[in-house]
Amino acid sequence: MASFAIIGAGISGLACGKALADAGHQVALSDKGRGPGGRMSTRRVDTPLGQAYFDHGAQFFTQRNPDFQKTIAALETQGAVAMWRGTFVRMDRDGQFQTLGDEPRYVGTPGMNGLVRGLATGLNPAWGKRVRALSGQKGAWHLQFETGETLGPYDQVICAVPAEQVSDLLAAHTRPISEQARAIRSLPCWAGLIAFDAPLALDWDMARFDAHPVLDVISSSVSKPGRTGPATYVVHAHPAWSAAQLEESADQISVALFEALAELAGPLPKPLVQAAHRWRYARVETSHGPGYLYDEGQGIGACGDWLSGPRVESAWLSGHHLGRALSA
């Protein structure tokens, strides 16, 4: 039995931890976030009509791999996830809306982070703990946290964080993984968070945009299972627009995205909530594609969507396959 420190308790890190724990290994997960979420986060905002819930990261996920399907089926039984029976469309380059395919789409309940909470069951991640550096060697790794705390020793270390952070953490310890992580480019995304006292008169629940100068996705919470409170809308800006406006203030961005929504939905009532959130590392532009990386000499691995593909399921498979490989 070996001991593993996993840095990052998102989809990939939890999948890796689950596979290792199921094989009898000792697993210690830590994450800089204050709680389950990451890019699966749900933000809550108090309003006169109750709390407004915003899934301001990923809007849904699909399941195609048999192993992932089994995991989701179990979480659905537990009430951590549910199928989203909404209307999904895409606006083409001519400005026409086309219905998207009927592939089942799932969401966490009562917010998207319900999926992360479900995957974390039994693994007990340490939240709010950012790793500043590693020290040691294979068989005796230590994690140094920003708080000044040091934990270890661990036999091996897994990095399940965005490529940009992997590159910095591992530069002094495993050149092959660090260099591959450094070659990855992640795209940013500004998200507008808007709530009203009643749903807007839209014919769809989620829309993607092929060639809009500002918009990438607009999603409504109204038809998502488990959602309560005011009608909330998340407006994701196009990566190129987000990059060009990356250092603007959240107030300026919230106004711009509110106006973009109004262009589609017509004159809008006064919102209960109008805010914006910046994702610096929202989506991987390119990925290496091997699924995961592992430096056997150092006992260091890496997993995440930057190694597999820009889908929730891809992130899970990256961690799951690394955990299974190390267990074997």
C-alpha atoms as a PDB file:
ATOM      1  CA  MET A   1       0.000   0.000   0.000  1.00  0.00           C
ATOM      2  CA  ALA A   2       1.364   3.399  -1.035  1.00  0.00           C
ATOM      3  CA  SER A   3       0.537   6.935   0.083  1.00  0.00           C
ATOM      4  CA  PHE A   4      -0.490   9.534  -2.504  1.00  0.00           C
ATOM      5  CA  ALA A   5      -0.847  13.299  -2.190  1.00  0.00           C
ATOM      6  CA  ILE A   6      -3.252  14.678  -4.800  1.00  0.00           C
ATOM      7  CA  ILE A   7      -3.100  18.412  -5.451  1.00  0.00           C
ATOM      8  CA  GLY A   8      -6.485  19.516  -6.729  1.00  0.00           C
ATOM      9  CA  ALA A   9      -9.858  18.094  -5.710  1.00  0.00           C
ATOM     10  CA  GLY A  10     -11.759  18.777  -8.906  1.00  0.00           C
ATOM     11  CA  ILE A  11     -13.261  16.168 -11.222  1.00  0.00           C
ATOM     12  CA  SER A  12      -9.918  14.689 -12.271  1.00  0.00           C
ATOM     13  CA  GLY A  13      -8.279  14.665  -8.845  1.00  0.00           C
ATOM     14  CA  LEU A  14     -11.313  13.068  -7.223  1.00  0.00           C
ATOM     15  CA  ALA A  15     -11.540  10.390  -9.916  1.00  0.00           C
ATOM     16  CA  CYS A  16      -7.867   9.552  -9.419  1.00  0.00           C
ATOM     17  CA  GLY A  17      -8.262   9.514  -5.653  1.00  0.00           C
ATOM     18  CA  LYS A  18     -11.284   7.219  -5.837  1.00  0.00           C
ATOM     19  CA  ALA A  19      -9.459   4.690  -8.028  1.00  0.00           C
ATOM     20  CA  LEU A  20      -6.439   4.688  -5.699  1.00  0.00           C
ATOM     21  CA  ALA A  21      -8.523   4.462  -2.536  1.00  0.00           C
ATOM     22  CA  ASP A  22     -10.569   1.592  -3.960  1.00  0.00           C
ATOM     23  CA  ALA A  23      -7.291  -0.275  -4.528  1.00  0.00           C
ATOM     24  CA  GLY A  24      -6.362   0.156  -0.864  1.00  0.00           C
ATOM     25  CA  HIS A  25      -3.911   3.048  -1.112  1.00  0.00           C
ATOM     26  CA  GLN A  26      -3.769   6.013   1.263  1.00  0.00           C
ATOM     27  CA  VAL A  27      -4.941   9.203  -0.412  1.00  0.00           C
ATOM     28  CA  ALA A  28      -4.671  12.813   0.824  1.00  0.00           C
ATOM     29  CA  LEU A  29      -6.434  15.393  -1.361  1.00  0.00           C
ATOM     30  CA  SER A  30      -6.008  19.149  -0.989  1.00  0.00           C
ATOM     31  CA  ASP A  31      -7.544  22.021  -2.940  1.00  0.00           C
ATOM     32  CA  LYS A  32      -7.125  25.783  -2.870  1.00  0.00           C
ATOM     33  CA  GLY A  33     -10.888  26.329  -3.176  1.00  0.00           C
ATOM     34  CA  ARG A  34     -12.975  27.059  -0.107  1.00  0.00           C
ATOM     35  CA  GLY A  35     -15.238  24.144  -0.997  1.00  0.00           C
ATOM     36  CA  PRO A  36     -16.241  21.768  -3.807  1.00  0.00           C
ATOM     37  CA  GLY A  37     -16.525  23.389  -7.195  1.00  0.00           C
ATOM     38  CA  GLY A  38     -13.676  24.793  -9.258  1.00  0.00           C
ATOM     39  CA  ARG A  39     -15.015  25.153 -12.772  1.00  0.00           C
ATOM     40  CA  MET A  40     -18.095  23.263 -11.566  1.00  0.00           C
ATOM     41  CA  SER A  41     -18.841  26.021  -9.062  1.00  0.00           C
ATOM     42  CA  THR A  42     -22.237  27.318  -8.036  1.00  0.00           C
ATOM     43  CA  ARG A  43     -22.420  30.843  -6.641  1.00  0.00           C
ATOM     44  CA  ARG A  44     -25.205  31.822  -4.262  1.00  0.00           C
ATOM     45  CA  VAL A  45     -26.408  35.410  -3.965  1.00  0.00           C
ATOM     46  CA  ASP A  46     -29.038  36.639  -1.514  1.00  0.00           C
ATOM     47  CA  THR A  47     -32.018  38.462  -3.052  1.00  0.00           C
ATOM     48  CA  PRO A  48     -35.438  39.624  -1.762  1.00  0.00           C
ATOM     49  CA  LEU A  49     -36.880  36.477  -3.422  1.00  0.00           C
ATOM     50  CA  GLY A  50     -34.432  34.103  -1.754  1.00  0.00           C
ATOM     51  CA  GLN A  51     -31.010  32.883  -2.787  1.00  0.00           C
ATOM     52  CA  ALA A  52     -30.164  33.023  -6.486  1.00  0.00           C
ATOM     53  CA  TYR A  53     -28.081  30.076  -7.718  1.00  0.00           C
ATOM     54  CA  PHE A  54     -25.614  30.580 -10.578  1.00  0.00           C
ATOM     55  CA  ASP A  55     -23.792  27.691 -12.275  1.00  0.00           C
ATOM     56  CA  HIS A  56     -21.193  30.112 -13.579  1.00  0.00           C
ATOM     57  CA  GLY A  57     -18.721  27.486 -14.805  1.00  0.00           C
ATOM     58  CA  ALA A  58     -19.712  24.310 -16.651  1.00  0.00           C
ATOM     59  CA  GLN A  59     -23.402  24.259 -17.555  1.00  0.00           C
ATOM     60  CA  PHE A  60     -23.909  20.517 -17.988  1.00  0.00           C
ATOM     61  CA  PHE A  61     -22.064  17.291 -18.777  1.00  0.00           C
ATOM     62  CA  THR A  62     -22.656  14.199 -20.885  1.00  0.00           C
ATOM     63  CA  GLN A  63     -21.721  10.565 -20.321  1.00  0.00           C
ATOM     64  CA  ARG A  64     -20.454   8.193 -22.989  1.00  0.00           C
ATOM     65  CA  ASN A  65     -17.820   6.000 -21.327  1.00  0.00           C
ATOM     66  CA  PRO A  66     -19.214   2.893 -19.544  1.00  0.00           C
ATOM     67  CA  ASP A  67     -17.151   3.498 -16.376  1.00  0.00           C
ATOM     68  CA  PHE A  68     -18.297   7.108 -16.173  1.00  0.00           C
ATOM     69  CA  GLN A  69     -21.886   6.040 -16.827  1.00  0.00           C
ATOM     70  CA  LYS A  70     -21.751   3.684 -13.827  1.00  0.00           C
ATOM     71  CA  THR A  71     -20.421   6.476 -11.628  1.00  0.00           C
ATOM     72  CA  ILE A  72     -23.118   8.917 -12.755  1.00  0.00           C
ATOM     73  CA  ALA A  73     -25.851   6.310 -12.293  1.00  0.00           C
ATOM     74  CA  ALA A  74     -24.764   5.846  -8.673  1.00  0.00           C
ATOM     75  CA  LEU A  75     -24.649   9.614  -8.077  1.00  0.00           C
ATOM     76  CA  GLU A  76     -28.062  10.030  -9.681  1.00  0.00           C
ATOM     77  CA  THR A  77     -29.475   7.490  -7.212  1.00  0.00           C
ATOM     78  CA  GLN A  78     -27.923   9.527  -4.381  1.00  0.00           C
ATOM     79  CA  GLY A  79     -29.489  12.734  -5.689  1.00  0.00           C
ATOM     80  CA  ALA A  80     -26.157  14.388  -6.501  1.00  0.00           C
ATOM     81  CA  VAL A  81     -26.891  14.661 -10.245  1.00  0.00           C
ATOM     82  CA  ALA A  82     -29.983  14.648 -12.486  1.00  0.00           C
ATOM     83  CA  MET A  83     -30.852  14.833 -16.162  1.00  0.00           C
ATOM     84  CA  TRP A  84     -31.528  18.314 -17.532  1.00  0.00           C
ATOM     85  CA  ARG A  85     -34.618  18.057 -19.737  1.00  0.00           C
ATOM     86  CA  GLY A  86     -34.326  21.470 -21.344  1.00  0.00           C
ATOM     87  CA  THR A  87     -34.372  22.903 -24.857  1.00  0.00           C
ATOM     88  CA  PHE A  88     -30.905  23.361 -26.370  1.00  0.00           C
ATOM     89  CA  VAL A  89     -30.133  25.375 -29.500  1.00  0.00           C
ATOM     90  CA  ARG A  90     -27.247  26.813 -31.485  1.00  0.00           C
ATOM     91  CA  MET A  91     -27.237  30.133 -33.337  1.00  0.00           C
ATOM     92  CA  ASP A  92     -25.503  29.652 -36.682  1.00  0.00           C
ATOM     93  CA  ARG A  93     -23.463  32.200 -38.622  1.00  0.00           C
ATOM     94  CA  ASP A  94     -26.628  33.480 -40.292  1.00  0.00           C
ATOM     95  CA  GLY A  95     -28.251  34.255 -36.967  1.00  0.00           C
ATOM     96  CA  GLN A  96     -30.681  31.343 -37.161  1.00  0.00           C
ATOM     97  CA  PHE A  97     -31.336  29.040 -34.219  1.00  0.00           C
ATOM     98  CA  GLN A  98     -30.944  25.301 -34.804  1.00  0.00           C
ATOM     99  CA  THR A  99     -31.956  22.612 -32.317  1.00  0.00           C
ATOM    100  CA  LEU A 100     -29.020  20.700 -30.866  1.00  0.00           C
ATOM    101  CA  GLY A 101     -28.924  16.908 -30.693  1.00  0.00           C
ATOM    102  CA  ASP A 102     -30.899  15.012 -28.085  1.00  0.00           C
ATOM    103  CA  GLU A 103     -27.893  13.492 -26.268  1.00  0.00           C
ATOM    104  CA  PRO A 104     -28.813  13.326 -22.545  1.00  0.00           C
ATOM    105  CA  ARG A 105     -27.356  16.213 -20.564  1.00  0.00           C
ATOM    106  CA  TYR A 106     -26.822  16.086 -16.822  1.00  0.00           C
ATOM    107  CA  VAL A 107     -26.299  18.661 -14.085  1.00  0.00           C
ATOM    108  CA  GLY A 108     -25.266  18.517 -10.450  1.00  0.00           C
ATOM    109  CA  THR A 109     -28.024  19.139  -7.921  1.00  0.00           C
ATOM    110  CA  PRO A 110     -28.954  21.471  -6.381  1.00  0.00           C
ATOM    111  CA  GLY A 111     -26.033  23.187  -8.158  1.00  0.00           C
ATOM    112  CA  MET A 112     -23.332  22.005 -10.548  1.00  0.00           C
ATOM    113  CA  ASN A 113     -20.983  21.482  -7.623  1.00  0.00           C
ATOM    114  CA  GLY A 114     -23.296  18.666  -6.543  1.00  0.00           C
ATOM    115  CA  LEU A 115     -21.300  16.436  -8.896  1.00  0.00           C
ATOM    116  CA  VAL A 116     -18.044  17.374  -7.153  1.00  0.00           C
ATOM    117  CA  ARG A 117     -19.597  16.862  -3.715  1.00  0.00           C
ATOM    118  CA  GLY A 118     -20.809  13.438  -4.784  1.00  0.00           C
ATOM    119  CA  LEU A 119     -17.421  12.389  -6.155  1.00  0.00           C
ATOM    120  CA  ALA A 120     -15.736  13.627  -2.956  1.00  0.00           C
ATOM    121  CA  THR A 121     -17.790  11.328  -0.722  1.00  0.00           C
ATOM    122  CA  GLY A 122     -15.459   9.257   1.443  1.00  0.00           C
ATOM    123  CA  LEU A 123     -12.297  11.007   0.225  1.00  0.00           C
ATOM    124  CA  ASN A 124     -12.436  13.945   2.669  1.00  0.00           C
ATOM    125  CA  PRO A 125     -10.496  16.584   0.700  1.00  0.00           C
ATOM    126  CA  ALA A 126      -8.830  19.411   2.630  1.00  0.00           C
ATOM    127  CA  TRP A 127     -10.400  22.611   1.232  1.00  0.00           C
ATOM    128  CA  GLY A 128      -8.854  26.075   1.330  1.00  0.00           C
ATOM    129  CA  LYS A 129      -5.283  24.773   1.213  1.00  0.00           C
ATOM    130  CA  ARG A 130      -3.133  26.086  -1.643  1.00  0.00           C
ATOM    131  CA  VAL A 131       0.115  24.202  -2.248  1.00  0.00           C
ATOM    132  CA  ARG A 132       3.034  26.566  -2.698  1.00  0.00           C
ATOM    133  CA  ALA A 133       5.806  24.061  -3.456  1.00  0.00           C
ATOM    134  CA  LEU A 134       6.972  20.458  -3.304  1.00  0.00           C
ATOM    135  CA  SER A 135      10.098  19.192  -1.620  1.00  0.00           C
ATOM    136  CA  GLY A 136      11.730  15.820  -1.237  1.00  0.00           C
ATOM    137  CA  GLN A 137      11.919  12.856  -3.554  1.00  0.00           C
ATOM    138  CA  LYS A 138      10.030   9.717  -4.535  1.00  0.00           C
ATOM    139  CA  GLY A 139       8.986   7.911  -1.380  1.00  0.00           C
ATOM    140  CA  ALA A 140       9.366  11.047   0.748  1.00  0.00           C
ATOM    141  CA  TRP A 141       7.503  13.970  -0.845  1.00  0.00           C
ATOM    142  CA  HIS A 142       6.307  16.906   1.261  1.00  0.00           C
ATOM    143  CA  LEU A 143       3.715  19.560   0.390  1.00  0.00           C
ATOM    144  CA  GLN A 144       4.412  23.130   1.470  1.00  0.00           C
ATOM    145  CA  PHE A 145       1.276  25.246   1.818  1.00  0.00           C
ATOM    146  CA  GLU A 146       0.881  29.017   1.623  1.00  0.00           C
ATOM    147  CA  THR A 147      -0.085  28.997   5.300  1.00  0.00           C
ATOM    148  CA  GLY A 148       3.429  27.801   6.141  1.00  0.00           C
ATOM    149  CA  GLU A 149       2.232  24.296   6.985  1.00  0.00           C
ATOM    150  CA  THR A 150       4.141  21.315   5.589  1.00  0.00           C
ATOM    151  CA  LEU A 151       2.597  17.852   5.247  1.00  0.00           C
ATOM    152  CA  GLY A 152       4.167  14.524   4.344  1.00  0.00           C
ATOM    153  CA  PRO A 153       5.933  12.354   3.665  1.00  0.00           C
ATOM    154  CA  TYR A 154       4.037  10.834   0.741  1.00  0.00           C
ATOM    155  CA  ASP A 155       5.293   8.119  -1.579  1.00  0.00           C
ATOM    156  CA  GLN A 156       3.962   9.809  -4.716  1.00  0.00           C
ATOM    157  CA  VAL A 157       2.321  13.056  -5.817  1.00  0.00           C
ATOM    158  CA  ILE A 158      -0.435  13.686  -8.361  1.00  0.00           C
ATOM    159  CA  CYS A 159      -1.083  17.160  -9.799  1.00  0.00           C
ATOM    160  CA  ALA A 160      -4.710  17.562 -10.849  1.00  0.00           C
ATOM    161  CA  VAL A 161      -4.737  21.319 -11.492  1.00  0.00           C
ATOM    162  CA  PRO A 162      -4.640  23.482 -14.657  1.00  0.00           C
ATOM    163  CA  ALA A 163      -1.558  23.105 -16.840  1.00  0.00           C
ATOM    164  CA  GLU A 164      -0.247  26.569 -15.972  1.00  0.00           C
ATOM    165  CA  GLN A 165      -0.127  25.632 -12.288  1.00  0.00           C
ATOM    166  CA  VAL A 166       1.356  22.191 -12.996  1.00  0.00           C
ATOM    167  CA  SER A 167       4.223  23.813 -14.875  1.00  0.00           C
ATOM    168  CA  ASP A 168       5.115  26.061 -11.936  1.00  0.00           C
ATOM    169  CA  LEU A 169       4.777  23.391  -9.242  1.00  0.00           C
ATOM    170  CA  LEU A 170       6.772  20.696 -11.003  1.00  0.00           C
ATOM    171  CA  ALA A 171       9.465  22.691 -12.820  1.00  0.00           C
ATOM    172  CA  ALA A 172      12.167  21.733 -10.327  1.00  0.00           C
ATOM    173  CA  HIS A 173      11.140  18.095 -10.018  1.00  0.00           C
ATOM    174  CA  THR A 174      10.058  16.601 -13.338  1.00  0.00           C
ATOM    175  CA  ARG A 175      11.129  18.332 -16.501  1.00  0.00           C
ATOM    176  CA  PRO A 176       9.127  16.111 -18.904  1.00  0.00           C
ATOM    177  CA  ILE A 177       5.773  16.869 -17.257  1.00  0.00           C
ATOM    178  CA  SER A 178       6.590  20.516 -16.606  1.00  0.00           C
ATOM    179  CA  GLU A 179       7.571  21.167 -20.221  1.00  0.00           C
ATOM    180  CA  GLN A 180       4.454  19.486 -21.597  1.00  0.00           C
ATOM    181  CA  ALA A 181       2.304  21.522 -19.224  1.00  0.00           C
ATOM    182  CA  ARG A 182       4.077  24.726 -20.257  1.00  0.00           C
ATOM    183  CA  ALA A 183       3.145  24.093 -23.893  1.00  0.00           C
ATOM    184  CA  ILE A 184      -0.580  24.139 -23.097  1.00  0.00           C
ATOM    185  CA  ARG A 185      -2.642  27.267 -23.617  1.00  0.00           C
ATOM    186  CA  SER A 186      -5.894  27.782 -21.725  1.00  0.00           C
ATOM    187  CA  LEU A 187      -8.533  30.215 -22.922  1.00  0.00           C
ATOM    188  CA  PRO A 188     -10.226  32.684 -20.559  1.00  0.00           C
ATOM    189  CA  CYS A 189     -13.929  33.337 -20.126  1.00  0.00           C
ATOM    190  CA  TRP A 190     -15.905  36.166 -18.596  1.00  0.00           C
ATOM    191  CA  ALA A 191     -19.218  34.998 -17.140  1.00  0.00           C
ATOM    192  CA  GLY A 192     -22.157  37.320 -16.559  1.00  0.00           C
ATOM    193  CA  LEU A 193     -24.445  36.425 -13.632  1.00  0.00           C
ATOM    194  CA  ILE A 194     -27.934  37.909 -13.980  1.00  0.00           C
ATOM    195  CA  ALA A 195     -31.135  37.209 -12.031  1.00  0.00           C
ATOM    196  CA  PHE A 196     -34.713  38.435 -12.515  1.00  0.00           C
ATOM    197  CA  ASP A 197     -37.909  38.073 -10.512  1.00  0.00           C
ATOM    198  CA  ALA A 198     -39.498  36.129 -13.394  1.00  0.00           C
ATOM    199  CA  PRO A 199     -38.195  34.061 -16.363  1.00  0.00           C
ATOM    200  CA  LEU A 200     -37.460  35.808 -19.644  1.00  0.00           C
ATOM    201  CA  ALA A 201     -39.589  35.040 -22.695  1.00  0.00           C
ATOM    202  CA  LEU A 202     -37.052  32.771 -24.423  1.00  0.00           C
ATOM    203  CA  ASP A 203     -37.823  29.674 -26.495  1.00  0.00           C
ATOM    204  CA  TRP A 204     -34.780  27.801 -25.198  1.00  0.00           C
ATOM    205  CA  ASP A 205     -32.953  26.984 -21.989  1.00  0.00           C
ATOM    206  CA  MET A 206     -29.401  27.051 -23.367  1.00  0.00           C
ATOM    207  CA  ALA A 207     -27.988  28.545 -26.545  1.00  0.00           C
ATOM    208  CA  ARG A 208     -24.549  28.306 -28.132  1.00  0.00           C
ATOM    209  CA  PHE A 209     -23.298  30.901 -30.607  1.00  0.00           C
ATOM    210  CA  ASP A 210     -21.148  30.068 -33.631  1.00  0.00           C
ATOM    211  CA  ALA A 211     -20.009  33.518 -34.678  1.00  0.00           C
ATOM    212  CA  HIS A 212     -21.272  36.126 -32.237  1.00  0.00           C
ATOM    213  CA  PRO A 213     -18.701  38.859 -31.501  1.00  0.00           C
ATOM    214  CA  VAL A 214     -19.376  38.690 -27.748  1.00  0.00           C
ATOM    215  CA  LEU A 215     -21.420  35.629 -26.805  1.00  0.00           C
ATOM    216  CA  ASP A 216     -20.399  31.999 -26.482  1.00  0.00           C
ATOM    217  CA  VAL A 217     -23.181  30.444 -24.354  1.00  0.00           C
ATOM    218  CA  ILE A 218     -26.284  31.665 -22.560  1.00  0.00           C
ATOM    219  CA  SER A 219     -27.860  29.314 -20.040  1.00  0.00           C
ATOM    220  CA  SER A 220     -31.015  29.568 -17.938  1.00  0.00           C
ATOM    221  CA  SER A 221     -31.524  27.829 -14.620  1.00  0.00           C
ATOM    222  CA  VAL A 222     -35.296  27.752 -14.871  1.00  0.00           C
ATOM    223  CA  SER A 223     -35.571  24.185 -16.202  1.00  0.00           C
ATOM    224  CA  LYS A 224     -32.569  22.710 -14.357  1.00  0.00           C
ATOM    225  CA  PRO A 225     -33.640  20.152 -11.757  1.00  0.00           C
ATOM    226  CA  GLY A 226     -33.296  21.097  -8.115  1.00  0.00           C
ATOM    227  CA  ARG A 227     -33.041  24.839  -8.713  1.00  0.00           C
ATOM    228  CA  THR A 228     -35.081  27.213  -6.564  1.00  0.00           C
ATOM    229  CA  GLY A 229     -35.261  30.969  -6.085  1.00  0.00           C
ATOM    230  CA  PRO A 230     -35.219  33.676  -8.770  1.00  0.00           C
ATOM    231  CA  ALA A 231     -34.764  33.017 -12.480  1.00  0.00           C
ATOM    232  CA  THR A 232     -31.000  33.130 -13.102  1.00  0.00           C
ATOM    233  CA  TYR A 233     -29.046  33.409 -16.338  1.00  0.00           C
ATOM    234  CA  VAL A 234     -25.360  32.823 -16.987  1.00  0.00           C
ATOM    235  CA  VAL A 235     -23.880  34.599 -20.008  1.00  0.00           C
ATOM    236  CA  HIS A 236     -20.515  33.221 -21.106  1.00  0.00           C
ATOM    237  CA  ALA A 237     -18.497  35.504 -23.340  1.00  0.00           C
ATOM    238  CA  HIS A 238     -16.551  34.271 -26.352  1.00  0.00           C
ATOM    239  CA  PRO A 239     -12.903  33.363 -25.531  1.00  0.00           C
ATOM    240  CA  ALA A 240     -11.477  35.976 -27.925  1.00  0.00           C
ATOM    241  CA  TRP A 241     -13.679  38.715 -26.481  1.00  0.00           C
ATOM    242  CA  SER A 242     -12.832  37.573 -22.944  1.00  0.00           C
ATOM    243  CA  ALA A 243      -9.105  37.684 -23.706  1.00  0.00           C
ATOM    244  CA  ALA A 244      -9.381  41.200 -25.119  1.00  0.00           C
ATOM    245  CA  GLN A 245     -11.275  42.368 -22.005  1.00  0.00           C
ATOM    246  CA  LEU A 246      -9.397  40.200 -19.514  1.00  0.00           C
ATOM    247  CA  GLU A 247      -8.229  42.997 -17.201  1.00  0.00           C
ATOM    248  CA  GLU A 248     -11.386  45.086 -17.296  1.00  0.00           C
ATOM    249  CA  SER A 249     -13.364  45.459 -14.090  1.00  0.00           C
ATOM    250  CA  ALA A 250     -16.147  43.020 -13.262  1.00  0.00           C
ATOM    251  CA  ASP A 251     -18.603  45.958 -13.162  1.00  0.00           C
ATOM    252  CA  GLN A 252     -17.774  46.958 -16.734  1.00  0.00           C
ATOM    253  CA  ILE A 253     -18.063  43.383 -17.957  1.00  0.00           C
ATOM    254  CA  SER A 254     -21.400  42.818 -16.225  1.00  0.00           C
ATOM    255  CA  VAL A 255     -22.859  45.816 -18.059  1.00  0.00           C
ATOM    256  CA  ALA A 256     -21.549  44.625 -21.433  1.00  0.00           C
ATOM    257  CA  LEU A 257     -22.930  41.107 -20.991  1.00  0.00           C
ATOM    258  CA  PHE A 258     -26.283  42.424 -19.739  1.00  0.00           C
ATOM    259  CA  GLU A 259     -26.527  44.491 -22.924  1.00  0.00           C
ATOM    260  CA  ALA A 260     -25.625  41.460 -25.052  1.00  0.00           C
ATOM    261  CA  LEU A 261     -28.428  39.478 -23.410  1.00  0.00           C
ATOM    262  CA  ALA A 262     -30.851  42.353 -24.005  1.00  0.00           C
ATOM    263  CA  GLU A 263     -30.028  42.334 -27.724  1.00  0.00           C
ATOM    264  CA  LEU A 264     -31.369  38.771 -27.897  1.00  0.00           C
ATOM    265  CA  ALA A 265     -34.211  38.877 -25.380  1.00  0.00           C
ATOM    266  CA  GLY A 266     -35.455  42.418 -25.950  1.00  0.00           C
ATOM    267  CA  PRO A 267     -35.839  45.084 -23.261  1.00  0.00           C
ATOM    268  CA  LEU A 268     -35.042  43.576 -19.895  1.00  0.00           C
ATOM    269  CA  PRO A 269     -36.529  44.347 -16.482  1.00  0.00           C
ATOM    270  CA  LYS A 270     -34.341  45.617 -13.676  1.00  0.00           C
ATOM    271  CA  PRO A 271     -32.229  42.681 -12.499  1.00  0.00           C
ATOM    272  CA  LEU A 272     -32.131  41.384  -8.954  1.00  0.00           C
ATOM    273  CA  VAL A 273     -28.473  40.451  -9.485  1.00  0.00           C
ATOM    274  CA  GLN A 274     -25.996  41.725 -12.062  1.00  0.00           C
ATOM    275  CA  ALA A 275     -22.396  40.593 -11.628  1.00  0.00           C
ATOM    276  CA  ALA A 276     -19.477  39.036 -13.511  1.00  0.00           C
ATOM    277  CA  HIS A 277     -16.845  36.392 -12.816  1.00  0.00           C
ATOM    278  CA  ARG A 278     -13.521  35.983 -14.613  1.00  0.00           C
ATOM    279  CA  TRP A 279     -12.187  32.512 -15.421  1.00  0.00           C
ATOM    280  CA  ARG A 280      -8.554  32.856 -16.420  1.00  0.00           C
ATOM    281  CA  TYR A 281      -8.257  29.167 -17.273  1.00  0.00           C
ATOM    282  CA  ALA A 282     -11.711  28.262 -18.541  1.00  0.00           C
ATOM    283  CA  ARG A 283     -11.067  25.936 -21.448  1.00  0.00           C
ATOM    284  CA  VAL A 284      -8.038  24.254 -22.968  1.00  0.00           C
ATOM    285  CA  GLU A 285      -7.330  25.433 -26.497  1.00  0.00           C
ATOM    286  CA  THR A 286      -5.153  22.417 -27.261  1.00  0.00           C
ATOM    287  CA  SER A 287      -4.446  19.252 -25.291  1.00  0.00           C
ATOM    288  CA  HIS A 288      -1.663  16.675 -25.507  1.00  0.00           C
ATOM    289  CA  GLY A 289      -4.190  13.866 -25.632  1.00  0.00           C
ATOM    290  CA  PRO A 290      -2.377  11.001 -23.825  1.00  0.00           C
ATOM    291  CA  GLY A 291      -4.928  11.105 -21.003  1.00  0.00           C
ATOM    292  CA  TYR A 292      -2.400  11.507 -18.191  1.00  0.00           C
ATOM    293  CA  LEU A 293       1.334  11.842 -17.559  1.00  0.00           C
ATOM    294  CA  TYR A 294       3.542   9.953 -15.130  1.00  0.00           C
ATOM    295  CA  ASP A 295       7.227  10.253 -14.260  1.00  0.00           C
ATOM    296  CA  GLU A 296       8.016   6.873 -12.727  1.00  0.00           C
ATOM    297  CA  GLY A 297      11.499   7.890 -11.611  1.00  0.00           C
ATOM    298  CA  GLN A 298      10.130  10.743  -9.525  1.00  0.00           C
ATOM    299  CA  GLY A 299       6.800   9.223  -8.569  1.00  0.00           C
ATOM    300  CA  ILE A 300       4.898  12.236  -9.924  1.00  0.00           C
ATOM    301  CA  GLY A 301       1.789  12.165 -12.102  1.00  0.00           C
ATOM    302  CA  ALA A 302      -0.511  14.701 -13.725  1.00  0.00           C
ATOM    303  CA  CYS A 303      -4.102  14.468 -14.891  1.00  0.00           C
ATOM    304  CA  GLY A 304      -6.820  16.835 -16.045  1.00  0.00           C
ATOM    305  CA  ASP A 305      -8.773  18.026 -19.052  1.00  0.00           C
ATOM    306  CA  TRP A 306      -5.614  19.593 -20.518  1.00  0.00           C
ATOM    307  CA  LEU A 307      -4.432  16.023 -21.114  1.00  0.00           C
ATOM    308  CA  SER A 308      -7.664  14.574 -22.409  1.00  0.00           C
ATOM    309  CA  GLY A 309     -10.193  17.052 -23.810  1.00  0.00           C
ATOM    310  CA  PRO A 310     -12.533  19.929 -22.890  1.00  0.00           C
ATOM    311  CA  ARG A 311     -15.357  17.876 -21.366  1.00  0.00           C
ATOM    312  CA  VAL A 312     -16.272  17.005 -17.778  1.00  0.00           C
ATOM    313  CA  GLU A 313     -16.196  13.328 -18.696  1.00  0.00           C
ATOM    314  CA  SER A 314     -12.721  13.731 -20.236  1.00  0.00           C
ATOM    315  CA  ALA A 315     -11.384  15.193 -16.978  1.00  0.00           C
ATOM    316  CA  TRP A 316     -12.887  12.301 -15.016  1.00  0.00           C
ATOM    317  CA  LEU A 317     -11.408   9.711 -17.386  1.00  0.00           C
ATOM    318  CA  SER A 318      -7.953  11.304 -17.139  1.00  0.00           C
ATOM    319  CA  GLY A 319      -7.893  10.941 -13.359  1.00  0.00           C
ATOM    320  CA  HIS A 320      -9.614   7.555 -13.355  1.00  0.00           C
ATOM    321  CA  HIS A 321      -7.184   6.043 -15.823  1.00  0.00           C
ATOM    322  CA  LEU A 322      -4.140   7.421 -13.974  1.00  0.00           C
ATOM    323  CA  GLY A 323      -5.441   6.041 -10.677  1.00  0.00           C
ATOM    324  CA  ARG A 324      -6.121   2.651 -12.231  1.00  0.00           C
ATOM    325  CA  ALA A 325      -2.690   2.552 -13.864  1.00  0.00           C
ATOM    326  CA  LEU A 326      -0.910   3.380 -10.597  1.00  0.00           C
ATOM    327  CA  SER A 327      -3.016   0.829  -8.729  1.00  0.00           C
ATOM    328  CA  ALA A 328      -2.025  -1.860 -11.183  1.00  0.00           C
END
